[in-house]
N, C-alpha and C. Protein backbone atom coordinates (compact mmCIF):
# COMPACT_ATOMS: atom_id res chain seq x y z
N MET A 1 -91.95 -14.16 68.59
CA MET A 1 -92.50 -14.35 69.92
C MET A 1 -92.25 -13.06 70.74
N GLN A 2 -91.13 -12.45 70.57
CA GLN A 2 -90.79 -11.20 71.30
C GLN A 2 -91.84 -10.10 70.97
N THR A 3 -92.26 -10.03 69.72
CA THR A 3 -93.21 -9.05 69.31
C THR A 3 -94.56 -9.26 69.98
N LEU A 4 -94.99 -10.49 70.13
CA LEU A 4 -96.27 -10.84 70.74
C LEU A 4 -96.23 -10.47 72.23
N ASN A 5 -95.11 -10.76 72.94
CA ASN A 5 -94.98 -10.39 74.36
C ASN A 5 -95.01 -8.91 74.57
N THR A 6 -94.33 -8.16 73.68
CA THR A 6 -94.30 -6.70 73.76
C THR A 6 -95.71 -6.14 73.57
N PHE A 7 -96.42 -6.69 72.53
CA PHE A 7 -97.79 -6.26 72.24
C PHE A 7 -98.72 -6.53 73.43
N ALA A 8 -98.63 -7.74 73.97
CA ALA A 8 -99.47 -8.15 75.10
C ALA A 8 -99.17 -7.31 76.33
N GLY A 9 -97.89 -7.00 76.57
CA GLY A 9 -97.50 -6.20 77.75
C GLY A 9 -98.05 -4.77 77.68
N LYS A 10 -97.95 -4.16 76.52
CA LYS A 10 -98.43 -2.78 76.35
C LYS A 10 -99.97 -2.74 76.45
N ASN A 11 -100.63 -3.66 75.80
CA ASN A 11 -102.08 -3.68 75.78
C ASN A 11 -102.66 -4.18 77.12
N MET A 12 -101.92 -4.96 77.89
CA MET A 12 -102.37 -5.44 79.18
C MET A 12 -102.60 -4.25 80.11
N LYS A 13 -101.64 -3.29 80.03
CA LYS A 13 -101.77 -2.08 80.87
C LYS A 13 -103.03 -1.30 80.49
N ASN A 14 -103.27 -1.13 79.19
CA ASN A 14 -104.48 -0.43 78.73
C ASN A 14 -105.74 -1.21 79.11
N LEU A 15 -105.69 -2.54 79.06
CA LEU A 15 -106.86 -3.35 79.42
C LEU A 15 -107.14 -3.19 80.90
N LEU A 16 -106.13 -3.19 81.75
CA LEU A 16 -106.31 -3.02 83.18
C LEU A 16 -106.89 -1.62 83.50
N ILE A 17 -106.42 -0.63 82.82
CA ILE A 17 -106.98 0.72 83.01
C ILE A 17 -108.46 0.78 82.61
N PHE A 18 -108.79 0.14 81.51
CA PHE A 18 -110.16 0.09 81.00
C PHE A 18 -111.06 -0.67 82.01
N ILE A 19 -110.62 -1.78 82.55
CA ILE A 19 -111.36 -2.55 83.53
C ILE A 19 -111.58 -1.72 84.81
N ALA A 20 -110.54 -1.02 85.26
CA ALA A 20 -110.68 -0.15 86.41
C ALA A 20 -111.71 0.93 86.18
N PHE A 21 -111.71 1.47 84.97
CA PHE A 21 -112.69 2.51 84.58
C PHE A 21 -114.11 1.95 84.68
N LEU A 22 -114.29 0.80 84.09
CA LEU A 22 -115.60 0.15 84.11
C LEU A 22 -116.06 -0.12 85.53
N SER A 23 -115.21 -0.61 86.38
CA SER A 23 -115.61 -0.95 87.74
C SER A 23 -116.03 0.26 88.56
N THR A 24 -115.52 1.47 88.21
CA THR A 24 -115.88 2.65 88.93
C THR A 24 -117.13 3.31 88.39
N THR A 25 -117.50 3.01 87.15
CA THR A 25 -118.66 3.66 86.55
C THR A 25 -119.88 2.75 86.46
N VAL A 26 -119.70 1.45 86.53
CA VAL A 26 -120.84 0.54 86.46
C VAL A 26 -120.96 -0.18 87.83
N THR A 27 -122.09 0.06 88.46
CA THR A 27 -122.31 -0.63 89.71
C THR A 27 -123.35 -1.75 89.49
N ALA A 28 -123.14 -2.84 90.15
CA ALA A 28 -124.04 -3.99 89.99
C ALA A 28 -125.36 -3.68 90.67
N GLN A 29 -126.41 -4.16 90.05
CA GLN A 29 -127.76 -4.04 90.65
C GLN A 29 -128.14 -5.31 91.35
N GLN A 30 -128.76 -5.19 92.48
CA GLN A 30 -129.29 -6.35 93.20
C GLN A 30 -130.78 -6.32 93.06
N VAL A 31 -131.36 -7.43 92.57
CA VAL A 31 -132.79 -7.52 92.38
C VAL A 31 -133.34 -8.46 93.46
N LYS A 32 -134.37 -8.03 94.12
CA LYS A 32 -135.00 -8.79 95.23
C LYS A 32 -136.42 -9.03 94.89
N TYR A 33 -136.86 -10.32 94.88
CA TYR A 33 -138.24 -10.65 94.61
C TYR A 33 -138.87 -11.06 95.96
N ILE A 34 -139.96 -10.43 96.34
CA ILE A 34 -140.63 -10.70 97.56
C ILE A 34 -142.05 -11.18 97.28
N PRO A 35 -142.34 -12.47 97.49
CA PRO A 35 -143.73 -12.92 97.33
C PRO A 35 -144.66 -12.36 98.42
N VAL A 36 -145.93 -12.21 98.08
CA VAL A 36 -146.86 -11.64 99.03
C VAL A 36 -146.96 -12.58 100.24
N LYS A 37 -147.04 -11.97 101.42
CA LYS A 37 -147.15 -12.74 102.68
C LYS A 37 -148.63 -13.13 102.88
N ASN A 38 -149.49 -12.11 102.74
CA ASN A 38 -150.94 -12.31 102.85
C ASN A 38 -151.61 -11.54 101.73
N ASP A 39 -152.64 -12.14 101.12
CA ASP A 39 -153.46 -11.45 100.15
C ASP A 39 -154.92 -11.83 100.37
N LYS A 40 -155.80 -10.90 100.06
CA LYS A 40 -157.24 -11.12 100.31
C LYS A 40 -158.01 -10.31 99.29
N ASN A 41 -159.07 -10.94 98.76
CA ASN A 41 -159.97 -10.23 97.87
C ASN A 41 -161.13 -9.64 98.66
N ILE A 42 -161.32 -8.36 98.61
CA ILE A 42 -162.39 -7.68 99.30
C ILE A 42 -163.49 -7.36 98.26
N ILE A 43 -164.68 -7.87 98.46
CA ILE A 43 -165.77 -7.63 97.51
C ILE A 43 -166.95 -7.05 98.31
N PRO A 44 -167.04 -5.71 98.36
CA PRO A 44 -168.11 -5.05 99.11
C PRO A 44 -169.51 -5.41 98.62
N VAL A 45 -169.67 -5.56 97.32
CA VAL A 45 -171.04 -5.89 96.74
C VAL A 45 -170.89 -7.22 95.97
N PRO A 46 -171.16 -8.33 96.68
CA PRO A 46 -171.03 -9.63 96.00
C PRO A 46 -171.92 -9.72 94.77
N SER A 47 -171.39 -10.34 93.72
CA SER A 47 -172.09 -10.45 92.46
C SER A 47 -172.46 -11.90 92.18
N ALA A 48 -173.64 -12.08 91.62
CA ALA A 48 -174.07 -13.42 91.22
C ALA A 48 -173.21 -13.97 90.08
N GLU A 49 -172.52 -13.10 89.37
CA GLU A 49 -171.70 -13.54 88.21
C GLU A 49 -170.41 -14.21 88.68
N LEU A 50 -169.99 -14.03 89.93
CA LEU A 50 -168.76 -14.65 90.38
C LEU A 50 -168.96 -16.13 90.44
N LYS A 51 -168.00 -16.83 89.88
CA LYS A 51 -168.08 -18.30 89.86
C LYS A 51 -167.68 -18.86 91.19
N GLU A 52 -168.32 -19.96 91.55
CA GLU A 52 -168.08 -20.58 92.83
C GLU A 52 -166.56 -20.98 92.96
N GLY A 53 -165.96 -20.67 94.09
CA GLY A 53 -164.61 -21.03 94.35
C GLY A 53 -163.59 -20.05 93.85
N MET A 54 -164.04 -19.01 93.16
CA MET A 54 -163.06 -18.01 92.63
C MET A 54 -162.39 -17.26 93.71
N GLY A 55 -163.03 -17.07 94.84
CA GLY A 55 -162.48 -16.25 95.89
C GLY A 55 -161.19 -16.79 96.50
N GLU A 56 -160.91 -18.07 96.35
CA GLU A 56 -159.70 -18.66 96.93
C GLU A 56 -158.50 -18.53 95.99
N SER A 57 -158.74 -18.70 94.70
CA SER A 57 -157.58 -18.71 93.80
C SER A 57 -157.54 -17.60 92.75
N ILE A 58 -158.72 -17.02 92.48
CA ILE A 58 -158.82 -15.97 91.49
C ILE A 58 -159.52 -14.77 92.14
N TYR A 59 -158.85 -13.63 92.07
CA TYR A 59 -159.40 -12.42 92.74
C TYR A 59 -160.02 -11.52 91.68
N VAL A 60 -161.14 -10.89 92.09
CA VAL A 60 -161.91 -9.99 91.24
C VAL A 60 -161.50 -8.53 91.60
N ILE A 61 -161.16 -7.76 90.57
CA ILE A 61 -160.93 -6.31 90.75
C ILE A 61 -161.94 -5.65 89.82
N ASP A 62 -162.82 -4.88 90.43
CA ASP A 62 -163.94 -4.36 89.64
C ASP A 62 -164.23 -2.89 90.03
N GLY A 63 -164.52 -2.07 89.06
CA GLY A 63 -164.75 -0.67 89.31
C GLY A 63 -166.19 -0.29 89.45
N ASP A 64 -167.16 -1.13 89.03
CA ASP A 64 -168.53 -0.71 89.12
C ASP A 64 -169.43 -1.65 89.90
N GLU A 65 -169.59 -2.89 89.48
CA GLU A 65 -170.58 -3.78 90.07
C GLU A 65 -170.22 -4.25 91.49
N SER A 66 -169.18 -5.07 91.61
CA SER A 66 -168.82 -5.65 92.90
C SER A 66 -167.92 -4.73 93.72
N LYS A 67 -167.26 -3.77 93.07
CA LYS A 67 -166.28 -2.86 93.75
C LYS A 67 -165.15 -3.69 94.34
N GLY A 68 -164.84 -4.85 93.78
CA GLY A 68 -163.78 -5.68 94.32
C GLY A 68 -162.41 -5.11 94.19
N PHE A 69 -161.56 -5.33 95.20
CA PHE A 69 -160.18 -4.93 95.14
C PHE A 69 -159.36 -6.00 95.94
N VAL A 70 -158.03 -5.92 95.81
CA VAL A 70 -157.18 -6.90 96.47
C VAL A 70 -156.30 -6.18 97.48
N TYR A 71 -156.28 -6.73 98.67
CA TYR A 71 -155.40 -6.24 99.73
C TYR A 71 -154.18 -7.15 99.77
N MET A 72 -152.96 -6.60 99.91
CA MET A 72 -151.71 -7.36 99.91
C MET A 72 -150.80 -6.88 101.03
N TYR A 73 -150.18 -7.81 101.73
CA TYR A 73 -149.21 -7.47 102.73
C TYR A 73 -147.87 -8.14 102.38
N PHE A 74 -146.82 -7.35 102.30
CA PHE A 74 -145.50 -7.85 101.99
C PHE A 74 -144.59 -7.58 103.17
N THR A 75 -143.75 -8.54 103.50
CA THR A 75 -142.77 -8.41 104.58
C THR A 75 -141.45 -8.96 104.12
N GLY A 76 -140.38 -8.54 104.79
CA GLY A 76 -139.04 -9.00 104.40
C GLY A 76 -138.40 -8.15 103.38
N LEU A 77 -138.83 -6.90 103.26
CA LEU A 77 -138.28 -5.99 102.27
C LEU A 77 -136.86 -5.57 102.57
N GLY A 78 -136.44 -5.70 103.80
CA GLY A 78 -135.05 -5.43 104.15
C GLY A 78 -134.74 -4.11 104.76
N ALA A 79 -135.52 -3.07 104.48
CA ALA A 79 -135.36 -1.73 105.05
C ALA A 79 -133.93 -1.21 104.85
N GLU A 80 -133.34 -1.50 103.69
CA GLU A 80 -132.03 -0.95 103.38
C GLU A 80 -132.11 0.59 103.46
N SER A 81 -131.03 1.20 103.97
CA SER A 81 -131.07 2.66 104.19
C SER A 81 -131.23 3.48 102.88
N LYS A 82 -130.58 3.01 101.85
CA LYS A 82 -130.67 3.77 100.59
C LYS A 82 -132.04 3.60 99.92
N GLY A 83 -132.66 2.49 100.12
CA GLY A 83 -133.92 2.18 99.48
C GLY A 83 -133.73 1.71 98.03
N PRO A 84 -134.75 1.12 97.45
CA PRO A 84 -134.65 0.64 96.07
C PRO A 84 -134.69 1.79 95.08
N VAL A 85 -134.06 1.54 93.91
CA VAL A 85 -134.11 2.53 92.82
C VAL A 85 -135.36 2.37 92.00
N THR A 86 -135.82 1.13 91.85
CA THR A 86 -137.09 0.86 91.18
C THR A 86 -137.82 -0.22 91.92
N VAL A 87 -139.18 -0.17 91.83
CA VAL A 87 -140.02 -1.15 92.45
C VAL A 87 -141.18 -1.41 91.51
N SER A 88 -141.56 -2.68 91.37
CA SER A 88 -142.78 -2.98 90.59
C SER A 88 -143.49 -4.12 91.23
N LEU A 89 -144.79 -4.19 90.97
CA LEU A 89 -145.64 -5.25 91.42
C LEU A 89 -145.91 -6.20 90.27
N ILE A 90 -145.58 -7.49 90.42
CA ILE A 90 -145.77 -8.47 89.34
C ILE A 90 -147.03 -9.19 89.69
N LEU A 91 -147.93 -9.30 88.68
CA LEU A 91 -149.22 -9.95 88.86
C LEU A 91 -149.44 -10.85 87.64
N ASN A 92 -150.38 -11.78 87.76
CA ASN A 92 -150.72 -12.69 86.67
C ASN A 92 -152.22 -12.71 86.53
N SER A 93 -152.70 -12.61 85.23
CA SER A 93 -154.14 -12.69 84.97
C SER A 93 -154.40 -14.12 84.45
N PRO A 94 -155.53 -14.73 84.88
CA PRO A 94 -155.81 -16.05 84.48
C PRO A 94 -156.40 -16.11 83.03
N ASP A 95 -156.50 -17.34 82.52
CA ASP A 95 -157.07 -17.52 81.20
C ASP A 95 -158.58 -17.73 81.35
N LEU A 96 -159.26 -16.67 81.69
CA LEU A 96 -160.70 -16.67 81.86
C LEU A 96 -161.31 -15.51 81.11
N GLU A 97 -162.54 -15.67 80.70
CA GLU A 97 -163.28 -14.56 80.07
C GLU A 97 -163.34 -13.44 81.10
N TRP A 98 -163.23 -12.20 80.62
CA TRP A 98 -163.22 -10.98 81.45
C TRP A 98 -161.96 -10.79 82.28
N SER A 99 -160.93 -11.55 81.99
CA SER A 99 -159.67 -11.33 82.72
C SER A 99 -158.90 -10.14 82.20
N ASP A 100 -159.16 -9.76 80.96
CA ASP A 100 -158.45 -8.63 80.40
C ASP A 100 -159.22 -7.34 80.70
N THR A 101 -158.50 -6.21 80.79
CA THR A 101 -159.12 -4.96 81.06
C THR A 101 -158.37 -3.84 80.34
N PRO A 102 -159.06 -3.07 79.51
CA PRO A 102 -158.37 -1.92 78.87
C PRO A 102 -158.12 -0.79 79.89
N ASP A 103 -158.95 -0.71 80.92
CA ASP A 103 -158.80 0.36 81.93
C ASP A 103 -157.54 0.10 82.81
N GLY A 104 -157.27 -1.14 83.16
CA GLY A 104 -156.11 -1.50 83.94
C GLY A 104 -156.34 -1.31 85.43
N TYR A 105 -155.24 -1.19 86.19
CA TYR A 105 -155.29 -1.21 87.65
C TYR A 105 -154.41 -0.12 88.22
N SER A 106 -154.69 0.26 89.49
CA SER A 106 -153.83 1.18 90.24
C SER A 106 -153.50 0.52 91.59
N VAL A 107 -152.28 0.87 92.09
CA VAL A 107 -151.85 0.31 93.38
C VAL A 107 -151.80 1.49 94.38
N TYR A 108 -152.35 1.22 95.57
CA TYR A 108 -152.42 2.25 96.60
C TYR A 108 -151.88 1.75 97.92
N SER A 109 -151.43 2.71 98.72
CA SER A 109 -151.18 2.46 100.14
C SER A 109 -152.05 3.47 100.85
N GLY A 110 -153.12 3.02 101.45
CA GLY A 110 -154.13 3.91 101.96
C GLY A 110 -154.72 4.68 100.80
N GLU A 111 -154.70 6.01 100.85
CA GLU A 111 -155.17 6.87 99.77
C GLU A 111 -154.07 7.31 98.81
N THR A 112 -152.84 6.90 99.10
CA THR A 112 -151.69 7.31 98.23
C THR A 112 -151.51 6.36 97.08
N LYS A 113 -151.61 6.93 95.85
CA LYS A 113 -151.44 6.13 94.65
C LYS A 113 -149.93 5.92 94.42
N LEU A 114 -149.55 4.66 94.29
CA LEU A 114 -148.15 4.29 94.10
C LEU A 114 -147.78 4.02 92.64
N GLY A 115 -148.77 3.65 91.82
CA GLY A 115 -148.51 3.34 90.44
C GLY A 115 -149.74 2.81 89.73
N SER A 116 -149.70 2.72 88.43
CA SER A 116 -150.85 2.18 87.65
C SER A 116 -150.40 1.61 86.35
N ILE A 117 -151.31 0.86 85.72
CA ILE A 117 -151.07 0.28 84.42
C ILE A 117 -152.40 0.23 83.69
N THR A 118 -152.34 0.34 82.36
CA THR A 118 -153.57 0.21 81.53
C THR A 118 -153.36 -0.95 80.55
N GLY A 119 -154.44 -1.41 79.99
CA GLY A 119 -154.36 -2.43 78.96
C GLY A 119 -153.78 -3.75 79.36
N VAL A 120 -154.39 -4.39 80.39
CA VAL A 120 -153.90 -5.67 80.82
C VAL A 120 -154.59 -6.82 80.09
N GLY A 121 -153.81 -7.72 79.54
CA GLY A 121 -154.35 -8.81 78.76
C GLY A 121 -154.72 -10.07 79.57
N ARG A 122 -155.47 -10.90 78.96
CA ARG A 122 -155.87 -12.18 79.51
C ARG A 122 -154.73 -13.20 79.46
N ASN A 123 -154.58 -14.00 80.56
CA ASN A 123 -153.58 -15.02 80.61
C ASN A 123 -152.17 -14.45 80.45
N LYS A 124 -151.89 -13.37 81.14
CA LYS A 124 -150.58 -12.64 80.99
C LYS A 124 -149.99 -12.39 82.37
N SER A 125 -148.69 -12.32 82.41
CA SER A 125 -147.94 -11.79 83.55
C SER A 125 -147.63 -10.32 83.22
N PHE A 126 -147.83 -9.44 84.22
CA PHE A 126 -147.57 -8.01 83.96
C PHE A 126 -146.97 -7.36 85.21
N GLU A 127 -146.30 -6.24 84.97
CA GLU A 127 -145.64 -5.48 86.05
C GLU A 127 -146.21 -4.07 86.13
N ILE A 128 -146.50 -3.66 87.34
CA ILE A 128 -146.96 -2.28 87.56
C ILE A 128 -145.82 -1.50 88.22
N PRO A 129 -145.23 -0.52 87.52
CA PRO A 129 -144.20 0.25 88.14
C PRO A 129 -144.75 1.06 89.34
N LEU A 130 -144.01 1.06 90.44
CA LEU A 130 -144.45 1.75 91.64
C LEU A 130 -143.46 2.81 92.08
N ASP A 131 -143.89 3.73 92.92
CA ASP A 131 -143.06 4.81 93.43
C ASP A 131 -142.03 4.22 94.42
N ALA A 132 -140.78 4.15 94.00
CA ALA A 132 -139.73 3.52 94.78
C ALA A 132 -139.45 4.26 96.10
N LYS A 133 -139.68 5.57 96.09
CA LYS A 133 -139.45 6.36 97.30
C LYS A 133 -140.31 5.91 98.51
N PHE A 134 -141.49 5.45 98.18
CA PHE A 134 -142.39 4.96 99.22
C PHE A 134 -141.82 3.81 100.02
N PHE A 135 -141.05 2.98 99.35
CA PHE A 135 -140.53 1.73 99.98
C PHE A 135 -139.20 1.93 100.74
N ALA A 136 -138.57 3.07 100.65
CA ALA A 136 -137.30 3.35 101.28
C ALA A 136 -137.46 3.22 102.82
N GLY A 137 -136.59 2.39 103.41
CA GLY A 137 -136.59 2.27 104.84
C GLY A 137 -137.72 1.39 105.44
N LYS A 138 -138.54 0.79 104.59
CA LYS A 138 -139.66 -0.01 105.12
C LYS A 138 -139.30 -1.52 105.06
N ALA A 139 -139.62 -2.19 106.14
CA ALA A 139 -139.42 -3.66 106.21
C ALA A 139 -140.64 -4.38 105.76
N SER A 140 -141.83 -3.73 105.78
CA SER A 140 -143.06 -4.35 105.33
C SER A 140 -144.03 -3.27 104.87
N VAL A 141 -144.96 -3.65 103.98
CA VAL A 141 -145.93 -2.68 103.44
C VAL A 141 -147.28 -3.38 103.22
N ASN A 142 -148.32 -2.58 103.35
CA ASN A 142 -149.68 -2.93 103.01
C ASN A 142 -150.05 -2.15 101.76
N ILE A 143 -150.49 -2.84 100.73
CA ILE A 143 -150.93 -2.12 99.51
C ILE A 143 -152.21 -2.77 99.00
N SER A 144 -152.90 -2.03 98.13
CA SER A 144 -154.14 -2.58 97.55
C SER A 144 -154.13 -2.34 96.04
N LEU A 145 -154.87 -3.18 95.36
CA LEU A 145 -154.99 -3.11 93.91
C LEU A 145 -156.43 -2.82 93.57
N LYS A 146 -156.69 -1.76 92.80
CA LYS A 146 -158.05 -1.33 92.47
C LYS A 146 -158.12 -1.11 90.99
N ALA A 147 -159.37 -1.18 90.45
CA ALA A 147 -159.63 -0.93 89.06
C ALA A 147 -159.46 0.53 88.76
N ASN A 148 -158.92 0.90 87.55
CA ASN A 148 -158.76 2.29 87.17
C ASN A 148 -160.10 2.90 86.74
N GLY A 149 -160.99 2.09 86.22
CA GLY A 149 -162.28 2.60 85.78
C GLY A 149 -163.41 1.62 86.12
N ASN A 150 -164.41 1.64 85.32
CA ASN A 150 -165.54 0.70 85.51
C ASN A 150 -165.22 -0.75 85.13
N ASP A 151 -164.35 -0.89 84.12
CA ASP A 151 -163.97 -2.23 83.67
C ASP A 151 -163.02 -2.87 84.67
N GLY A 152 -163.27 -4.10 85.01
CA GLY A 152 -162.44 -4.82 85.93
C GLY A 152 -161.77 -6.04 85.32
N GLY A 153 -161.20 -6.87 86.13
CA GLY A 153 -160.55 -8.05 85.63
C GLY A 153 -160.24 -9.02 86.80
N TYR A 154 -159.48 -10.02 86.50
CA TYR A 154 -159.11 -11.03 87.52
C TYR A 154 -157.58 -11.10 87.60
N ILE A 155 -157.11 -11.47 88.77
CA ILE A 155 -155.70 -11.81 88.94
C ILE A 155 -155.63 -13.12 89.78
N LEU A 156 -154.51 -13.80 89.68
CA LEU A 156 -154.31 -15.05 90.41
C LEU A 156 -153.87 -14.72 91.84
N ALA A 157 -154.39 -15.49 92.78
CA ALA A 157 -154.11 -15.33 94.19
C ALA A 157 -152.79 -16.07 94.55
N ASN A 158 -152.28 -15.76 95.73
CA ASN A 158 -151.07 -16.39 96.21
C ASN A 158 -151.19 -17.92 96.32
N ILE A 159 -152.35 -18.38 96.64
CA ILE A 159 -152.58 -19.85 96.82
C ILE A 159 -152.30 -20.63 95.54
N THR A 160 -152.37 -19.96 94.39
CA THR A 160 -152.09 -20.66 93.09
C THR A 160 -150.60 -20.88 92.85
N GLY A 161 -149.75 -20.16 93.56
CA GLY A 161 -148.31 -20.23 93.28
C GLY A 161 -147.92 -19.16 92.26
N PHE A 162 -148.89 -18.42 91.76
CA PHE A 162 -148.61 -17.34 90.79
C PHE A 162 -149.16 -16.02 91.31
N GLY A 163 -149.13 -15.84 92.63
CA GLY A 163 -149.69 -14.66 93.26
C GLY A 163 -148.80 -13.43 93.11
N PRO A 164 -149.20 -12.33 93.74
CA PRO A 164 -148.45 -11.11 93.68
C PRO A 164 -147.02 -11.20 94.20
N VAL A 165 -146.10 -10.50 93.51
CA VAL A 165 -144.70 -10.46 93.91
C VAL A 165 -144.16 -9.03 93.77
N LEU A 166 -143.48 -8.53 94.73
CA LEU A 166 -142.81 -7.24 94.60
C LEU A 166 -141.40 -7.50 94.05
N LYS A 167 -141.00 -6.65 93.13
CA LYS A 167 -139.66 -6.71 92.54
C LYS A 167 -138.98 -5.39 92.94
N LEU A 168 -137.94 -5.49 93.75
CA LEU A 168 -137.15 -4.32 94.22
C LEU A 168 -135.78 -4.36 93.61
N VAL A 169 -135.33 -3.28 92.99
CA VAL A 169 -133.99 -3.22 92.40
C VAL A 169 -133.22 -2.19 93.22
N TYR A 170 -132.04 -2.63 93.75
CA TYR A 170 -131.15 -1.77 94.51
C TYR A 170 -129.92 -1.51 93.74
N GLN A 171 -129.34 -0.34 93.85
CA GLN A 171 -128.11 0.05 93.16
C GLN A 171 -126.91 -0.27 94.03
């Protein structure tokens, strides 16, 4: 029994030093998910191909025919002084024909491109990595989603419960 106590005592000191080392080199990340406050599908050139009622729950993003894009407003970002280390926009594509797009999408704030993705599949959840520096110090943002090329697709609107969400990771 004496040998076990001596072993535990010596190794306990090493264990405490190791734990102290870990706590100084590994910082916990805080992940914040912000659902879209307002979203709207803007379709400058309405298309006869759009199915009735799609405008409320399914948004069209198109690069050639309808020129459709999605406007999104997020609030409650927190405006932490350091800002997030990574940001991504989480979207969902419905299980509909033409929901997939090899061209993908880009996210903008005004004319500033914040990120993009290619090869979006049908009936999938996907994340678009965004420029985290843009979000530093902001409590709210307006962004838009546009097609990368002529090929477009569909995403689910906020009203479905599977709408756009910002994912912010803080160090």
